[in-house]
Each structure stands twice: as C-alpha cells, then as structure tokens.
PDB file of all heavy atoms in Angstrom:
ATOM      1  N   GLU A   1       0.820  -1.216  -0.001  1.00  0.00           N
ATOM      2  CA  GLU A   1       0.000   0.001  -0.002  1.00  0.00           C
ATOM      3  C   GLU A   1       0.856   1.271  -0.001  1.00  0.00           C
ATOM      4  O   GLU A   1       0.448   2.315  -0.513  1.00  0.00           O
ATOM      5  CB  GLU A   1      -0.913   0.005   1.223  1.00  0.00           C
ATOM      6  CG  GLU A   1      -1.992  -1.067   1.165  1.00  0.00           C
ATOM      7  CD  GLU A   1      -2.876  -1.021   2.392  1.00  0.00           C
ATOM      8  OE1 GLU A   1      -2.577  -0.236   3.311  1.00  0.00           O
ATOM      9  OE2 GLU A   1      -3.865  -1.764   2.434  1.00  0.00           O
ATOM     10  N   ASN A   2       2.038   1.198   0.559  1.00  0.00           N
ATOM     11  CA  ASN A   2       2.864   2.405   0.672  1.00  0.00           C
ATOM     12  C   ASN A   2       3.658   2.708  -0.599  1.00  0.00           C
ATOM     13  O   ASN A   2       3.826   3.853  -0.985  1.00  0.00           O
ATOM     14  CB  ASN A   2       3.838   2.272   1.853  1.00  0.00           C
ATOM     15  CG  ASN A   2       3.096   2.150   3.168  1.00  0.00           C
ATOM     16  OD1 ASN A   2       2.088   2.808   3.366  1.00  0.00           O
ATOM     17  ND2 ASN A   2       3.586   1.296   4.047  1.00  0.00           N
ATOM     18  N   THR A   3       4.134   1.638  -1.260  1.00  0.00           N
ATOM     19  CA  THR A   3       5.019   1.865  -2.400  1.00  0.00           C
ATOM     20  C   THR A   3       4.366   1.613  -3.740  1.00  0.00           C
ATOM     21  O   THR A   3       4.850   2.094  -4.764  1.00  0.00           O
ATOM     22  CB  THR A   3       6.247   0.931  -2.307  1.00  0.00           C
ATOM     23  OG1 THR A   3       5.792  -0.424  -2.424  1.00  0.00           O
ATOM     24  CG2 THR A   3       6.963   1.088  -0.996  1.00  0.00           C
ATOM     25  N   GLY A   4       3.299   0.824  -3.757  1.00  0.00           N
ATOM     26  CA  GLY A   4       2.682   0.486  -5.030  1.00  0.00           C
ATOM     27  C   GLY A   4       3.485  -0.539  -5.815  1.00  0.00           C
ATOM     28  O   GLY A   4       3.191  -0.822  -6.952  1.00  0.00           O
ATOM     29  N   LYS A   5       4.525  -1.102  -5.187  1.00  0.00           N
ATOM     30  CA  LYS A   5       5.347  -2.097  -5.873  1.00  0.00           C
ATOM     31  C   LYS A   5       4.971  -3.495  -5.411  1.00  0.00           C
ATOM     32  O   LYS A   5       4.473  -3.694  -4.311  1.00  0.00           O
ATOM     33  CB  LYS A   5       6.834  -1.844  -5.590  1.00  0.00           C
ATOM     34  CG  LYS A   5       7.326  -0.521  -6.152  1.00  0.00           C
ATOM     35  CD  LYS A   5       8.806  -0.320  -5.848  1.00  0.00           C
ATOM     36  CE  LYS A   5       9.306   0.998  -6.407  1.00  0.00           C
ATOM     37  NZ  LYS A   5      10.738   1.226  -6.107  1.00  0.00           N
ATOM     38  N   GLN A   6       5.260  -4.471  -6.288  1.00  0.00           N
ATOM     39  CA  GLN A   6       4.907  -5.850  -5.990  1.00  0.00           C
ATOM     40  C   GLN A   6       5.711  -6.382  -4.812  1.00  0.00           C
ATOM     41  O   GLN A   6       6.919  -6.215  -4.740  1.00  0.00           O
ATOM     42  CB  GLN A   6       5.169  -6.719  -7.232  1.00  0.00           C
ATOM     43  CG  GLN A   6       4.703  -8.162  -7.048  1.00  0.00           C
ATOM     44  CD  GLN A   6       4.953  -8.979  -8.300  1.00  0.00           C
ATOM     45  OE1 GLN A   6       5.225  -8.424  -9.356  1.00  0.00           O
ATOM     46  NE2 GLN A   6       4.863 -10.271  -8.167  1.00  0.00           N
ATOM     47  N   GLU A   7       5.009  -7.011  -3.868  1.00  0.00           N
ATOM     48  CA  GLU A   7       5.665  -7.626  -2.720  1.00  0.00           C
ATOM     49  C   GLU A   7       6.293  -8.955  -3.135  1.00  0.00           C
ATOM     50  O   GLU A   7       5.794  -9.631  -4.026  1.00  0.00           O
ATOM     51  CB  GLU A   7       4.638  -7.903  -1.613  1.00  0.00           C
ATOM     52  CG  GLU A   7       4.090  -6.650  -0.967  1.00  0.00           C
ATOM     53  CD  GLU A   7       5.056  -6.111   0.075  1.00  0.00           C
ATOM     54  OE1 GLU A   7       6.217  -6.547   0.102  1.00  0.00           O
ATOM     55  OE2 GLU A   7       4.647  -5.241   0.846  1.00  0.00           O
ATOM     56  N   PRO A   8       7.368  -9.361  -2.474  1.00  0.00           N
ATOM     57  CA  PRO A   8       7.885 -10.709  -2.700  1.00  0.00           C
ATOM     58  C   PRO A   8       6.819 -11.736  -2.333  1.00  0.00           C
ATOM     59  O   PRO A   8       6.081 -11.566  -1.370  1.00  0.00           O
ATOM     60  CB  PRO A   8       9.083 -10.794  -1.739  1.00  0.00           C
ATOM     61  CG  PRO A   8       9.424  -9.389  -1.415  1.00  0.00           C
ATOM     62  CD  PRO A   8       8.158  -8.615  -1.502  1.00  0.00           C
ATOM     63  N   ILE A   9       6.729 -12.796  -3.122  1.00  0.00           N
ATOM     64  CA  ILE A   9       5.689 -13.805  -2.909  1.00  0.00           C
ATOM     65  C   ILE A   9       6.335 -15.109  -2.451  1.00  0.00           C
ATOM     66  O   ILE A   9       7.297 -15.578  -3.038  1.00  0.00           O
ATOM     67  CB  ILE A   9       4.921 -14.062  -4.215  1.00  0.00           C
ATOM     68  CG1 ILE A   9       4.361 -12.763  -4.759  1.00  0.00           C
ATOM     69  CG2 ILE A   9       3.852 -15.104  -4.025  1.00  0.00           C
ATOM     70  CD1 ILE A   9       3.000 -12.394  -4.395  1.00  0.00           C
ATOM     71  N   ARG A  10       5.796 -15.707  -1.429  1.00  0.00           N
ATOM     72  CA  ARG A  10       6.242 -17.026  -0.986  1.00  0.00           C
ATOM     73  C   ARG A  10       5.187 -18.034  -1.427  1.00  0.00           C
ATOM     74  O   ARG A  10       4.012 -17.872  -1.153  1.00  0.00           O
ATOM     75  CB  ARG A  10       6.398 -17.075   0.534  1.00  0.00           C
ATOM     76  CG  ARG A  10       7.484 -16.135   1.043  1.00  0.00           C
ATOM     77  CD  ARG A  10       7.664 -16.285   2.539  1.00  0.00           C
ATOM     78  NE  ARG A  10       8.651 -15.363   3.039  1.00  0.00           N
ATOM     79  CZ  ARG A  10       9.961 -15.585   3.042  1.00  0.00           C
ATOM     80  NH1 ARG A  10      10.424 -16.708   2.565  1.00  0.00           N
ATOM     81  NH2 ARG A  10      10.797 -14.680   3.517  1.00  0.00           N
ATOM     82  N   VAL A  11       5.642 -19.080  -2.134  1.00  0.00           N
ATOM     83  CA  VAL A  11       4.716 -20.037  -2.731  1.00  0.00           C
ATOM     84  C   VAL A  11       4.777 -21.363  -1.984  1.00  0.00           C
ATOM     85  O   VAL A  11       5.858 -21.922  -1.783  1.00  0.00           O
ATOM     86  CB  VAL A  11       5.068 -20.284  -4.213  1.00  0.00           C
ATOM     87  CG1 VAL A  11       4.069 -21.232  -4.843  1.00  0.00           C
ATOM     88  CG2 VAL A  11       5.099 -18.966  -4.964  1.00  0.00           C
ATOM     89  N   LYS A  12       3.638 -21.828  -1.571  1.00  0.00           N
ATOM     90  CA  LYS A  12       3.543 -23.168  -1.006  1.00  0.00           C
ATOM     91  C   LYS A  12       3.250 -24.121  -2.142  1.00  0.00           C
ATOM     92  O   LYS A  12       2.155 -24.128  -2.708  1.00  0.00           O
ATOM     93  CB  LYS A  12       2.433 -23.248   0.038  1.00  0.00           C
ATOM     94  CG  LYS A  12       2.347 -24.607   0.716  1.00  0.00           C
ATOM     95  CD  LYS A  12       1.269 -24.611   1.786  1.00  0.00           C
ATOM     96  CE  LYS A  12       1.206 -25.969   2.467  1.00  0.00           C
ATOM     97  NZ  LYS A  12       0.146 -26.016   3.494  1.00  0.00           N
ATOM     98  N   LYS A  13       4.232 -24.924  -2.521  1.00  0.00           N
ATOM     99  CA  LYS A  13       4.121 -25.745  -3.730  1.00  0.00           C
ATOM    100  C   LYS A  13       3.539 -27.125  -3.435  1.00  0.00           C
ATOM    101  O   LYS A  13       3.680 -27.659  -2.348  1.00  0.00           O
ATOM    102  CB  LYS A  13       5.495 -25.930  -4.387  1.00  0.00           C
ATOM    103  CG  LYS A  13       6.107 -24.630  -4.907  1.00  0.00           C
ATOM    104  CD  LYS A  13       7.424 -24.929  -5.573  1.00  0.00           C
ATOM    105  CE  LYS A  13       8.057 -23.660  -6.104  1.00  0.00           C
ATOM    106  NZ  LYS A  13       7.296 -23.065  -7.190  1.00  0.00           N
ATOM    107  N   VAL A  14       2.904 -27.707  -4.480  1.00  0.00           N
ATOM    108  CA  VAL A  14       2.521 -29.121  -4.457  1.00  0.00           C
ATOM    109  C   VAL A  14       3.800 -29.936  -4.495  1.00  0.00           C
ATOM    110  O   VAL A  14       4.766 -29.549  -5.152  1.00  0.00           O
ATOM    111  CB  VAL A  14       1.638 -29.457  -5.683  1.00  0.00           C
ATOM    112  CG1 VAL A  14       1.268 -30.925  -5.691  1.00  0.00           C
ATOM    113  CG2 VAL A  14       0.397 -28.583  -5.685  1.00  0.00           C
ATOM    114  N   GLY A  15       3.840 -31.073  -3.794  1.00  0.00           N
ATOM    115  CA  GLY A  15       5.030 -31.922  -3.806  1.00  0.00           C
ATOM    116  C   GLY A  15       5.424 -32.297  -5.223  1.00  0.00           C
ATOM    117  O   GLY A  15       4.576 -32.667  -6.036  1.00  0.00           O
ATOM    118  N   ARG A  16       6.688 -32.196  -5.567  1.00  0.00           N
ATOM    119  CA  ARG A  16       7.143 -32.371  -6.946  1.00  0.00           C
ATOM    120  C   ARG A  16       6.831 -33.763  -7.498  1.00  0.00           C
ATOM    121  O   ARG A  16       6.626 -33.928  -8.696  1.00  0.00           O
ATOM    122  CB  ARG A  16       8.649 -32.133  -7.026  1.00  0.00           C
ATOM    123  CG  ARG A  16       9.075 -30.760  -6.584  1.00  0.00           C
ATOM    124  CD  ARG A  16       8.995 -29.757  -7.705  1.00  0.00           C
ATOM    125  NE  ARG A  16       9.915 -30.042  -8.794  1.00  0.00           N
ATOM    126  CZ  ARG A  16       9.751 -29.552 -10.020  1.00  0.00           C
ATOM    127  NH1 ARG A  16       8.705 -28.834 -10.308  1.00  0.00           N
ATOM    128  NH2 ARG A  16      10.630 -29.817 -10.968  1.00  0.00           N
ATOM    129  N   ASN A  17       6.799 -34.783  -6.638  1.00  0.00           N
ATOM    130  CA  ASN A  17       6.543 -36.143  -7.093  1.00  0.00           C
ATOM    131  C   ASN A  17       5.098 -36.584  -6.897  1.00  0.00           C
ATOM    132  O   ASN A  17       4.754 -37.731  -7.149  1.00  0.00           O
ATOM    133  CB  ASN A  17       7.483 -37.132  -6.387  1.00  0.00           C
ATOM    134  CG  ASN A  17       8.907 -36.998  -6.888  1.00  0.00           C
ATOM    135  OD1 ASN A  17       9.150 -37.074  -8.087  1.00  0.00           O
ATOM    136  ND2 ASN A  17       9.843 -36.787  -5.986  1.00  0.00           N
ATOM    137  N   LYS A  18       4.256 -35.639  -6.455  1.00  0.00           N
ATOM    138  CA  LYS A  18       2.837 -35.938  -6.276  1.00  0.00           C
ATOM    139  C   LYS A  18       2.106 -35.749  -7.607  1.00  0.00           C
ATOM    140  O   LYS A  18       2.553 -35.012  -8.487  1.00  0.00           O
ATOM    141  CB  LYS A  18       2.218 -35.002  -5.228  1.00  0.00           C
ATOM    142  CG  LYS A  18       2.810 -35.168  -3.833  1.00  0.00           C
ATOM    143  CD  LYS A  18       2.439 -36.499  -3.231  1.00  0.00           C
ATOM    144  CE  LYS A  18       2.931 -36.591  -1.789  1.00  0.00           C
ATOM    145  NZ  LYS A  18       2.589 -37.898  -1.177  1.00  0.00           N
ATOM    146  N   PRO A  19       0.935 -36.424  -7.787  1.00  0.00           N
ATOM    147  CA  PRO A  19       0.153 -36.185  -9.014  1.00  0.00           C
ATOM    148  C   PRO A  19      -0.249 -34.725  -9.121  1.00  0.00           C
ATOM    149  O   PRO A  19      -0.586 -34.086  -8.126  1.00  0.00           O
ATOM    150  CB  PRO A  19      -1.078 -37.085  -8.819  1.00  0.00           C
ATOM    151  CG  PRO A  19      -0.664 -38.119  -7.827  1.00  0.00           C
ATOM    152  CD  PRO A  19       0.323 -37.436  -6.916  1.00  0.00           C
ATOM    153  N   CYS A  20      -0.197 -34.184 -10.324  1.00  0.00           N
ATOM    154  CA  CYS A  20      -0.598 -32.795 -10.534  1.00  0.00           C
ATOM    155  C   CYS A  20      -2.085 -32.645 -10.236  1.00  0.00           C
ATOM    156  O   CYS A  20      -2.892 -33.485 -10.659  1.00  0.00           O
ATOM    157  CB  CYS A  20      -0.303 -32.379 -11.969  1.00  0.00           C
ATOM    158  SG  CYS A  20      -0.599 -30.622 -12.261  1.00  0.00           S
ATOM    159  N   PRO A  21      -2.490 -31.592  -9.515  1.00  0.00           N
ATOM    160  CA  PRO A  21      -3.913 -31.400  -9.196  1.00  0.00           C
ATOM    161  C   PRO A  21      -4.799 -31.226 -10.417  1.00  0.00           C
ATOM    162  O   PRO A  21      -6.009 -31.301 -10.305  1.00  0.00           O
ATOM    163  CB  PRO A  21      -3.909 -30.123  -8.341  1.00  0.00           C
ATOM    164  CG  PRO A  21      -2.539 -29.988  -7.822  1.00  0.00           C
ATOM    165  CD  PRO A  21      -1.650 -30.561  -8.888  1.00  0.00           C
ATOM    166  N   CYS A  22      -4.205 -30.967 -11.590  1.00  0.00           N
ATOM    167  CA  CYS A  22      -5.036 -30.769 -12.782  1.00  0.00           C
ATOM    168  C   CYS A  22      -5.684 -32.058 -13.244  1.00  0.00           C
ATOM    169  O   CYS A  22      -6.576 -32.039 -14.086  1.00  0.00           O
ATOM    170  CB  CYS A  22      -4.208 -30.163 -13.921  1.00  0.00           C
ATOM    171  SG  CYS A  22      -3.111 -31.339 -14.740  1.00  0.00           S
ATOM    172  N   GLY A  23      -5.242 -33.216 -12.699  1.00  0.00           N
ATOM    173  CA  GLY A  23      -5.864 -34.479 -13.056  1.00  0.00           C
ATOM    174  C   GLY A  23      -5.282 -35.144 -14.287  1.00  0.00           C
ATOM    175  O   GLY A  23      -5.833 -36.116 -14.792  1.00  0.00           O
ATOM    176  N   SER A  24      -4.158 -34.644 -14.782  1.00  0.00           N
ATOM    177  CA  SER A  24      -3.561 -35.210 -15.993  1.00  0.00           C
ATOM    178  C   SER A  24      -3.026 -36.616 -15.777  1.00  0.00           C
ATOM    179  O   SER A  24      -2.844 -37.373 -16.726  1.00  0.00           O
ATOM    180  CB  SER A  24      -2.416 -34.317 -16.473  1.00  0.00           C
ATOM    181  OG  SER A  24      -1.341 -34.342 -15.534  1.00  0.00           O
ATOM    182  N   GLY A  25      -2.734 -36.964 -14.514  1.00  0.00           N
ATOM    183  CA  GLY A  25      -2.124 -38.252 -14.212  1.00  0.00           C
ATOM    184  C   GLY A  25      -0.611 -38.173 -14.162  1.00  0.00           C
ATOM    185  O   GLY A  25       0.050 -39.112 -13.716  1.00  0.00           O
ATOM    186  N   LYS A  26      -0.052 -37.043 -14.613  1.00  0.00           N
ATOM    187  CA  LYS A  26       1.402 -36.867 -14.565  1.00  0.00           C
ATOM    188  C   LYS A  26       1.833 -36.372 -13.190  1.00  0.00           C
ATOM    189  O   LYS A  26       1.028 -35.814 -12.443  1.00  0.00           O
ATOM    190  CB  LYS A  26       1.841 -35.836 -15.609  1.00  0.00           C
ATOM    191  CG  LYS A  26       1.514 -36.203 -17.032  1.00  0.00           C
ATOM    192  CD  LYS A  26       1.954 -35.086 -17.966  1.00  0.00           C
ATOM    193  CE  LYS A  26       1.592 -35.384 -19.401  1.00  0.00           C
ATOM    194  NZ  LYS A  26       1.967 -34.266 -20.301  1.00  0.00           N
ATOM    195  N   LYS A  27       3.119 -36.594 -12.861  1.00  0.00           N
ATOM    196  CA  LYS A  27       3.656 -36.002 -11.652  1.00  0.00           C
ATOM    197  C   LYS A  27       3.648 -34.485 -11.805  1.00  0.00           C
ATOM    198  O   LYS A  27       3.776 -33.951 -12.911  1.00  0.00           O
ATOM    199  CB  LYS A  27       5.079 -36.491 -11.399  1.00  0.00           C
ATOM    200  CG  LYS A  27       5.163 -37.974 -11.043  1.00  0.00           C
ATOM    201  CD  LYS A  27       6.599 -38.393 -10.834  1.00  0.00           C
ATOM    202  CE  LYS A  27       6.693 -39.882 -10.503  1.00  0.00           C
ATOM    203  NZ  LYS A  27       8.093 -40.317 -10.333  1.00  0.00           N
ATOM    204  N   TYR A  28       3.520 -33.776 -10.680  1.00  0.00           N
ATOM    205  CA  TYR A  28       3.467 -32.317 -10.709  1.00  0.00           C
ATOM    206  C   TYR A  28       4.683 -31.742 -11.410  1.00  0.00           C
ATOM    207  O   TYR A  28       4.570 -30.795 -12.196  1.00  0.00           O
ATOM    208  CB  TYR A  28       3.369 -31.784  -9.278  1.00  0.00           C
ATOM    209  CG  TYR A  28       3.307 -30.271  -9.188  1.00  0.00           C
ATOM    210  CD1 TYR A  28       2.202 -29.569  -9.664  1.00  0.00           C
ATOM    211  CD2 TYR A  28       4.346 -29.558  -8.617  1.00  0.00           C
ATOM    212  CE1 TYR A  28       2.145 -28.185  -9.589  1.00  0.00           C
ATOM    213  CE2 TYR A  28       4.292 -28.169  -8.524  1.00  0.00           C
ATOM    214  CZ  TYR A  28       3.183 -27.493  -9.009  1.00  0.00           C
ATOM    215  OH  TYR A  28       3.132 -26.135  -8.920  1.00  0.00           O
ATOM    216  N   LYS A  29       5.871 -32.321 -11.165  1.00  0.00           N
ATOM    217  CA  LYS A  29       7.098 -31.779 -11.747  1.00  0.00           C
ATOM    218  C   LYS A  29       7.141 -31.970 -13.263  1.00  0.00           C
ATOM    219  O   LYS A  29       7.893 -31.288 -13.956  1.00  0.00           O
ATOM    220  CB  LYS A  29       8.330 -32.420 -11.101  1.00  0.00           C
ATOM    221  CG  LYS A  29       8.478 -33.931 -11.376  1.00  0.00           C
ATOM    222  CD  LYS A  29       9.674 -34.480 -10.621  1.00  0.00           C
ATOM    223  CE  LYS A  29       9.809 -35.996 -10.827  1.00  0.00           C
ATOM    224  NZ  LYS A  29      10.921 -36.545 -10.046  1.00  0.00           N
ATOM    225  N   GLN A  30       6.324 -32.906 -13.789  1.00  0.00           N
ATOM    226  CA  GLN A  30       6.295 -33.156 -15.228  1.00  0.00           C
ATOM    227  C   GLN A  30       5.117 -32.461 -15.892  1.00  0.00           C
ATOM    228  O   GLN A  30       4.924 -32.575 -17.094  1.00  0.00           O
ATOM    229  CB  GLN A  30       6.222 -34.661 -15.505  1.00  0.00           C
ATOM    230  CG  GLN A  30       7.459 -35.403 -15.047  1.00  0.00           C
ATOM    231  CD  GLN A  30       7.282 -36.898 -15.050  1.00  0.00           C
ATOM    232  OE1 GLN A  30       6.150 -37.398 -15.121  1.00  0.00           O
ATOM    233  NE2 GLN A  30       8.376 -37.639 -14.992  1.00  0.00           N
TER     234      GLN A  30
END
C-alpha cells in the first residue's frame, strides 16, 4: 500500500513427485 510495488511472494508448492492437481495423471514436476 505504501510503495505500489509488488511484494515478494512465498509459494507453497505441491510436492514435486505428487500427481498434478489438474488431473492429468502426470507427476506435478512433469
């Protein structure tokens, strides 16, 4: 609010070897 600039974002990621939530059947990392 003070600067109007984008804040750094911290991302909570899906586990890289878990199935992708999109339902493709592929691992998230693939």
